[in-house]
Amino acid sequence: MFRIISGKWKAKKIAAPKNFDVRPTTDFAKEALFSILENKYDMQSISVLDLFAGIGSITLEFASRGCQNITSVEMNPKHTAFINTTASELDMALQINVQRGDVFDWLKKFRNKKSFEIVFSDAPFEMEEKKYHELISLVLNNKYLKENGALIVEHQSRMKLDHPNLIDTRKYGNVSFSFFEPNKENNQEL
């Protein structure tokens, strides 16, 4: 079970089926993350890519706050169906585009096609550190971030993600969010 923190569906509790193996971002961490994001971005005018979307905790939070352009990538078909059903029930279906597939394959397939202000990744905590670095490279090297964009990687606090584009890491208990800026060459007008 998770709760939408703010926006149109503030305090709405979302219960996932008991057989789902998920770890939604905690309310405490999610509240802190969105406080940071709302100070930097106008939620109604940004586009978001939610990688490893799970059952949609982050996706639905963005939608509740008025974000109109959210792409969610999740491999588990039960989870994608759950996000779609929940989005429909909450009148968010037009805001959310759910894509079923492996995140790494998806990032390779759609490289250089669309850019986002926010790319959020909440990979399984057991994912190897080298896969985190592969994910960061795929996002940063394929123009997934707009000039003012940020890649936010949720990970275990004990893991330290060292990268030249890392601008900040915020720790909330055993969960941390690492913020990465776009590559400088992405900032040049083509």
C-alpha atoms as a PDB file:
ATOM      1  CA  MET A   1       0.000   0.000   0.000  1.00  0.00           C
ATOM      2  CA  PHE A   2       1.161   3.519  -0.728  1.00  0.00           C
ATOM      3  CA  ARG A   3      -0.331   6.968  -0.405  1.00  0.00           C
ATOM      4  CA  ILE A   4      -0.438   9.870  -2.834  1.00  0.00           C
ATOM      5  CA  ILE A   5       1.112  12.702  -0.844  1.00  0.00           C
ATOM      6  CA  SER A   6      -0.210  15.819  -2.574  1.00  0.00           C
ATOM      7  CA  GLY A   7      -2.205  17.269  -5.428  1.00  0.00           C
ATOM      8  CA  LYS A   8      -5.650  16.359  -6.729  1.00  0.00           C
ATOM      9  CA  TRP A   9      -5.595  12.936  -5.036  1.00  0.00           C
ATOM     10  CA  LYS A  10      -3.839  14.001  -1.824  1.00  0.00           C
ATOM     11  CA  ALA A  11      -4.043  11.323   0.918  1.00  0.00           C
ATOM     12  CA  LYS A  12      -5.497   8.739  -1.506  1.00  0.00           C
ATOM     13  CA  LYS A  13      -4.362   5.263  -0.456  1.00  0.00           C
ATOM     14  CA  ILE A  14      -3.508   2.840  -3.244  1.00  0.00           C
ATOM     15  CA  ALA A  15      -3.534  -0.842  -2.317  1.00  0.00           C
ATOM     16  CA  ALA A  16      -1.689  -3.249  -4.582  1.00  0.00           C
ATOM     17  CA  PRO A  17      -2.562  -6.929  -4.668  1.00  0.00           C
ATOM     18  CA  LYS A  18      -0.799  -8.840  -1.898  1.00  0.00           C
ATOM     19  CA  ASN A  19       1.103 -11.079  -4.333  1.00  0.00           C
ATOM     20  CA  PHE A  20       2.946  -8.109  -5.880  1.00  0.00           C
ATOM     21  CA  ASP A  21       6.640  -8.011  -4.992  1.00  0.00           C
ATOM     22  CA  VAL A  22       7.143  -4.248  -4.761  1.00  0.00           C
ATOM     23  CA  ARG A  23       8.908  -1.681  -2.629  1.00  0.00           C
ATOM     24  CA  PRO A  24       7.206   1.681  -3.170  1.00  0.00           C
ATOM     25  CA  THR A  25       9.196   4.753  -2.192  1.00  0.00           C
ATOM     26  CA  THR A  26       8.371   5.623   1.435  1.00  0.00           C
ATOM     27  CA  ASP A  27       6.074   8.572   2.130  1.00  0.00           C
ATOM     28  CA  PHE A  28       8.885  10.321   3.996  1.00  0.00           C
ATOM     29  CA  ALA A  29      11.339  10.016   1.082  1.00  0.00           C
ATOM     30  CA  LYS A  30       8.683  10.792  -1.543  1.00  0.00           C
ATOM     31  CA  GLU A  31       7.578  13.922   0.313  1.00  0.00           C
ATOM     32  CA  ALA A  32      11.174  15.155   0.525  1.00  0.00           C
ATOM     33  CA  LEU A  33      11.829  14.382  -3.145  1.00  0.00           C
ATOM     34  CA  PHE A  34       8.747  16.240  -4.369  1.00  0.00           C
ATOM     35  CA  SER A  35       9.531  19.201  -2.139  1.00  0.00           C
ATOM     36  CA  ILE A  36      12.867  19.496  -3.975  1.00  0.00           C
ATOM     37  CA  LEU A  37      11.259  19.039  -7.397  1.00  0.00           C
ATOM     38  CA  GLU A  38       8.403  21.498  -6.842  1.00  0.00           C
ATOM     39  CA  ASN A  39      10.929  24.200  -5.908  1.00  0.00           C
ATOM     40  CA  LYS A  40      12.628  23.737  -9.294  1.00  0.00           C
ATOM     41  CA  TYR A  41       9.869  22.740 -11.730  1.00  0.00           C
ATOM     42  CA  ASP A  42       6.311  23.690 -12.624  1.00  0.00           C
ATOM     43  CA  MET A  43       4.626  20.287 -12.418  1.00  0.00           C
ATOM     44  CA  GLN A  44       1.980  21.190 -15.028  1.00  0.00           C
ATOM     45  CA  SER A  45       4.527  21.937 -17.748  1.00  0.00           C
ATOM     46  CA  ILE A  46       7.150  19.196 -17.430  1.00  0.00           C
ATOM     47  CA  SER A  47       7.561  15.763 -18.956  1.00  0.00           C
ATOM     48  CA  VAL A  48       8.641  12.809 -16.817  1.00  0.00           C
ATOM     49  CA  LEU A  49      10.147   9.413 -17.564  1.00  0.00           C
ATOM     50  CA  ASP A  50       9.622   6.946 -14.685  1.00  0.00           C
ATOM     51  CA  LEU A  51      11.918   3.929 -15.062  1.00  0.00           C
ATOM     52  CA  PHE A  52      11.240   0.732 -13.107  1.00  0.00           C
ATOM     53  CA  ALA A  53       7.819   2.208 -12.392  1.00  0.00           C
ATOM     54  CA  GLY A  54       6.683  -0.724 -10.234  1.00  0.00           C
ATOM     55  CA  ILE A  55       3.050  -0.150  -9.272  1.00  0.00           C
ATOM     56  CA  GLY A  56       3.208   3.544 -10.091  1.00  0.00           C
ATOM     57  CA  SER A  57       3.892   5.275  -6.767  1.00  0.00           C
ATOM     58  CA  ILE A  58       6.048   7.996  -8.391  1.00  0.00           C
ATOM     59  CA  THR A  59       4.055   8.103 -11.643  1.00  0.00           C
ATOM     60  CA  LEU A  60       0.756   8.650  -9.820  1.00  0.00           C
ATOM     61  CA  GLU A  61       2.334  11.264  -7.544  1.00  0.00           C
ATOM     62  CA  PHE A  62       3.442  13.298 -10.584  1.00  0.00           C
ATOM     63  CA  ALA A  63      -0.005  12.904 -12.174  1.00  0.00           C
ATOM     64  CA  SER A  64      -1.800  13.949  -8.975  1.00  0.00           C
ATOM     65  CA  ARG A  65       0.334  17.107  -8.933  1.00  0.00           C
ATOM     66  CA  GLY A  66      -0.815  18.019 -12.442  1.00  0.00           C
ATOM     67  CA  CYS A  67       1.965  16.647 -14.628  1.00  0.00           C
ATOM     68  CA  GLN A  68       0.375  15.970 -18.034  1.00  0.00           C
ATOM     69  CA  ASN A  69       3.178  14.040 -19.746  1.00  0.00           C
ATOM     70  CA  ILE A  70       4.441  10.953 -17.904  1.00  0.00           C
ATOM     71  CA  THR A  71       5.991   7.899 -19.520  1.00  0.00           C
ATOM     72  CA  SER A  72       6.294   4.903 -17.193  1.00  0.00           C
ATOM     73  CA  VAL A  73       8.459   1.915 -18.086  1.00  0.00           C
ATOM     74  CA  GLU A  74       7.920  -1.347 -16.211  1.00  0.00           C
ATOM     75  CA  MET A  75       8.650  -4.935 -17.198  1.00  0.00           C
ATOM     76  CA  ASN A  76       6.097  -6.798 -15.060  1.00  0.00           C
ATOM     77  CA  PRO A  77       2.793  -7.076 -16.992  1.00  0.00           C
ATOM     78  CA  LYS A  78       0.748  -7.263 -13.767  1.00  0.00           C
ATOM     79  CA  HIS A  79       2.326  -4.013 -12.600  1.00  0.00           C
ATOM     80  CA  THR A  80       1.731  -2.213 -15.905  1.00  0.00           C
ATOM     81  CA  ALA A  81      -1.899  -3.370 -15.865  1.00  0.00           C
ATOM     82  CA  PHE A  82      -2.213  -2.115 -12.280  1.00  0.00           C
ATOM     83  CA  ILE A  83      -0.821   1.329 -13.216  1.00  0.00           C
ATOM     84  CA  ASN A  84      -3.187   1.566 -16.205  1.00  0.00           C
ATOM     85  CA  THR A  85      -6.213   0.503 -14.157  1.00  0.00           C
ATOM     86  CA  THR A  86      -5.383   2.864 -11.290  1.00  0.00           C
ATOM     87  CA  ALA A  87      -4.736   5.751 -13.710  1.00  0.00           C
ATOM     88  CA  SER A  88      -8.129   5.147 -15.336  1.00  0.00           C
ATOM     89  CA  GLU A  89      -9.932   5.005 -11.982  1.00  0.00           C
ATOM     90  CA  LEU A  90      -8.343   8.322 -10.949  1.00  0.00           C
ATOM     91  CA  ASP A  91      -8.946  10.082 -14.314  1.00  0.00           C
ATOM     92  CA  MET A  92      -5.207  10.164 -15.045  1.00  0.00           C
ATOM     93  CA  ALA A  93      -5.172   7.894 -18.104  1.00  0.00           C
ATOM     94  CA  LEU A  94      -4.483  10.764 -20.531  1.00  0.00           C
ATOM     95  CA  GLN A  95      -1.503  11.921 -18.456  1.00  0.00           C
ATOM     96  CA  ILE A  96       0.250   8.556 -18.214  1.00  0.00           C
ATOM     97  CA  ASN A  97       1.745   6.470 -21.028  1.00  0.00           C
ATOM     98  CA  VAL A  98       2.674   3.036 -19.630  1.00  0.00           C
ATOM     99  CA  GLN A  99       5.281   1.122 -21.609  1.00  0.00           C
ATOM    100  CA  ARG A 100       5.881  -2.540 -20.791  1.00  0.00           C
ATOM    101  CA  GLY A 101       9.453  -3.657 -21.275  1.00  0.00           C
ATOM    102  CA  ASP A 102      12.922  -4.072 -19.875  1.00  0.00           C
ATOM    103  CA  VAL A 103      14.223  -0.604 -18.945  1.00  0.00           C
ATOM    104  CA  PHE A 104      17.652  -1.156 -20.521  1.00  0.00           C
ATOM    105  CA  ASP A 105      16.165  -2.432 -23.799  1.00  0.00           C
ATOM    106  CA  TRP A 106      13.635   0.420 -23.810  1.00  0.00           C
ATOM    107  CA  LEU A 107      16.353   3.047 -23.290  1.00  0.00           C
ATOM    108  CA  LYS A 108      18.381   1.571 -26.166  1.00  0.00           C
ATOM    109  CA  LYS A 109      15.368   1.373 -28.489  1.00  0.00           C
ATOM    110  CA  PHE A 110      14.114   4.938 -27.943  1.00  0.00           C
ATOM    111  CA  ARG A 111      17.461   6.757 -27.669  1.00  0.00           C
ATOM    112  CA  ASN A 112      17.494  10.323 -29.007  1.00  0.00           C
ATOM    113  CA  LYS A 113      13.707  10.264 -29.636  1.00  0.00           C
ATOM    114  CA  LYS A 114      12.327  12.296 -26.734  1.00  0.00           C
ATOM    115  CA  SER A 115      13.749  14.390 -23.905  1.00  0.00           C
ATOM    116  CA  PHE A 116      12.320  14.908 -20.429  1.00  0.00           C
ATOM    117  CA  GLU A 117      12.774  17.398 -17.607  1.00  0.00           C
ATOM    118  CA  ILE A 118      12.847  14.551 -15.094  1.00  0.00           C
ATOM    119  CA  VAL A 119      14.010  10.983 -15.530  1.00  0.00           C
ATOM    120  CA  PHE A 120      13.379   9.028 -12.330  1.00  0.00           C
ATOM    121  CA  SER A 121      14.768   5.549 -11.737  1.00  0.00           C
ATOM    122  CA  ASP A 122      13.872   3.265  -8.856  1.00  0.00           C
ATOM    123  CA  ALA A 123      15.647   0.077  -9.904  1.00  0.00           C
ATOM    124  CA  PRO A 124      15.436  -3.040  -7.744  1.00  0.00           C
ATOM    125  CA  PHE A 125      17.764  -2.549  -4.777  1.00  0.00           C
ATOM    126  CA  GLU A 126      19.526  -5.838  -5.547  1.00  0.00           C
ATOM    127  CA  MET A 127      20.653  -4.535  -8.961  1.00  0.00           C
ATOM    128  CA  GLU A 128      24.447  -4.571  -9.303  1.00  0.00           C
ATOM    129  CA  GLU A 129      26.277  -1.252  -9.102  1.00  0.00           C
ATOM    130  CA  LYS A 130      27.651  -1.651 -12.655  1.00  0.00           C
ATOM    131  CA  LYS A 131      24.035  -1.823 -13.938  1.00  0.00           C
ATOM    132  CA  TYR A 132      23.305   1.494 -12.170  1.00  0.00           C
ATOM    133  CA  HIS A 133      26.258   3.008 -14.052  1.00  0.00           C
ATOM    134  CA  GLU A 134      24.998   1.513 -17.326  1.00  0.00           C
ATOM    135  CA  LEU A 135      21.580   3.064 -16.668  1.00  0.00           C
ATOM    136  CA  ILE A 136      23.097   6.488 -15.901  1.00  0.00           C
ATOM    137  CA  SER A 137      25.154   6.339 -19.121  1.00  0.00           C
ATOM    138  CA  LEU A 138      22.164   5.297 -21.233  1.00  0.00           C
ATOM    139  CA  VAL A 139      20.107   8.233 -19.948  1.00  0.00           C
ATOM    140  CA  LEU A 140      22.848  10.875 -20.090  1.00  0.00           C
ATOM    141  CA  ASN A 141      24.423   9.841 -23.406  1.00  0.00           C
ATOM    142  CA  ASN A 142      21.190   9.536 -25.401  1.00  0.00           C
ATOM    143  CA  LYS A 143      19.589  12.953 -24.867  1.00  0.00           C
ATOM    144  CA  TYR A 144      16.861  11.736 -22.526  1.00  0.00           C
ATOM    145  CA  LEU A 145      17.360  14.891 -20.426  1.00  0.00           C
ATOM    146  CA  LYS A 146      16.402  18.393 -21.473  1.00  0.00           C
ATOM    147  CA  GLU A 147      18.833  21.221 -20.781  1.00  0.00           C
ATOM    148  CA  ASN A 148      17.197  21.995 -17.411  1.00  0.00           C
ATOM    149  CA  GLY A 149      16.578  18.315 -16.675  1.00  0.00           C
ATOM    150  CA  ALA A 150      17.663  15.977 -13.929  1.00  0.00           C
ATOM    151  CA  LEU A 151      18.176  12.246 -13.672  1.00  0.00           C
ATOM    152  CA  ILE A 152      17.182  11.067 -10.209  1.00  0.00           C
ATOM    153  CA  VAL A 153      18.314   7.615  -9.152  1.00  0.00           C
ATOM    154  CA  GLU A 154      16.825   6.049  -6.033  1.00  0.00           C
ATOM    155  CA  HIS A 155      19.200   3.556  -4.444  1.00  0.00           C
ATOM    156  CA  GLN A 156      20.299   2.055  -1.154  1.00  0.00           C
ATOM    157  CA  SER A 157      22.098   4.630   0.977  1.00  0.00           C
ATOM    158  CA  ARG A 158      25.123   2.385   1.428  1.00  0.00           C
ATOM    159  CA  MET A 159      25.790   2.548  -2.332  1.00  0.00           C
ATOM    160  CA  LYS A 160      27.734   5.602  -3.446  1.00  0.00           C
ATOM    161  CA  LEU A 161      27.232   6.453  -7.124  1.00  0.00           C
ATOM    162  CA  ASP A 162      30.312   8.352  -8.251  1.00  0.00           C
ATOM    163  CA  HIS A 163      29.898  10.108 -11.610  1.00  0.00           C
ATOM    164  CA  PRO A 164      31.062  13.451 -13.107  1.00  0.00           C
ATOM    165  CA  ASN A 165      27.426  14.549 -13.603  1.00  0.00           C
ATOM    166  CA  LEU A 166      26.428  13.831  -9.987  1.00  0.00           C
ATOM    167  CA  ILE A 167      25.347  17.118  -8.415  1.00  0.00           C
ATOM    168  CA  ASP A 168      23.701  16.009  -5.158  1.00  0.00           C
ATOM    169  CA  THR A 169      22.726  12.993  -3.090  1.00  0.00           C
ATOM    170  CA  ARG A 170      20.006  13.197  -0.457  1.00  0.00           C
ATOM    171  CA  LYS A 171      19.724  10.449   2.145  1.00  0.00           C
ATOM    172  CA  TYR A 172      16.437   9.441   3.804  1.00  0.00           C
ATOM    173  CA  GLY A 173      17.162   6.469   6.046  1.00  0.00           C
ATOM    174  CA  ASN A 174      18.307   3.513   3.961  1.00  0.00           C
ATOM    175  CA  VAL A 175      17.111   5.220   0.745  1.00  0.00           C
ATOM    176  CA  SER A 176      19.044   7.873  -1.141  1.00  0.00           C
ATOM    177  CA  PHE A 177      18.258   9.957  -4.205  1.00  0.00           C
ATOM    178  CA  SER A 178      21.225  10.869  -6.398  1.00  0.00           C
ATOM    179  CA  PHE A 179      20.694  13.786  -8.793  1.00  0.00           C
ATOM    180  CA  PHE A 180      22.567  13.958 -12.099  1.00  0.00           C
ATOM    181  CA  GLU A 181      22.711  16.888 -14.515  1.00  0.00           C
ATOM    182  CA  PRO A 182      22.603  16.472 -18.307  1.00  0.00           C
ATOM    183  CA  ASN A 183      25.825  16.140 -20.273  1.00  0.00           C
ATOM    184  CA  LYS A 184      27.137  19.530 -21.300  1.00  0.00           C
ATOM    185  CA  GLU A 185      27.027  18.726 -25.029  1.00  0.00           C
ATOM    186  CA  ASN A 186      23.267  18.117 -24.660  1.00  0.00           C
ATOM    187  CA  ASN A 187      22.950  21.767 -23.695  1.00  0.00           C
ATOM    188  CA  GLN A 188      24.105  23.091 -27.052  1.00  0.00           C
ATOM    189  CA  GLU A 189      21.488  23.988 -29.622  1.00  0.00           C
ATOM    190  CA  LEU A 190      21.698  21.705 -32.643  1.00  0.00           C
END
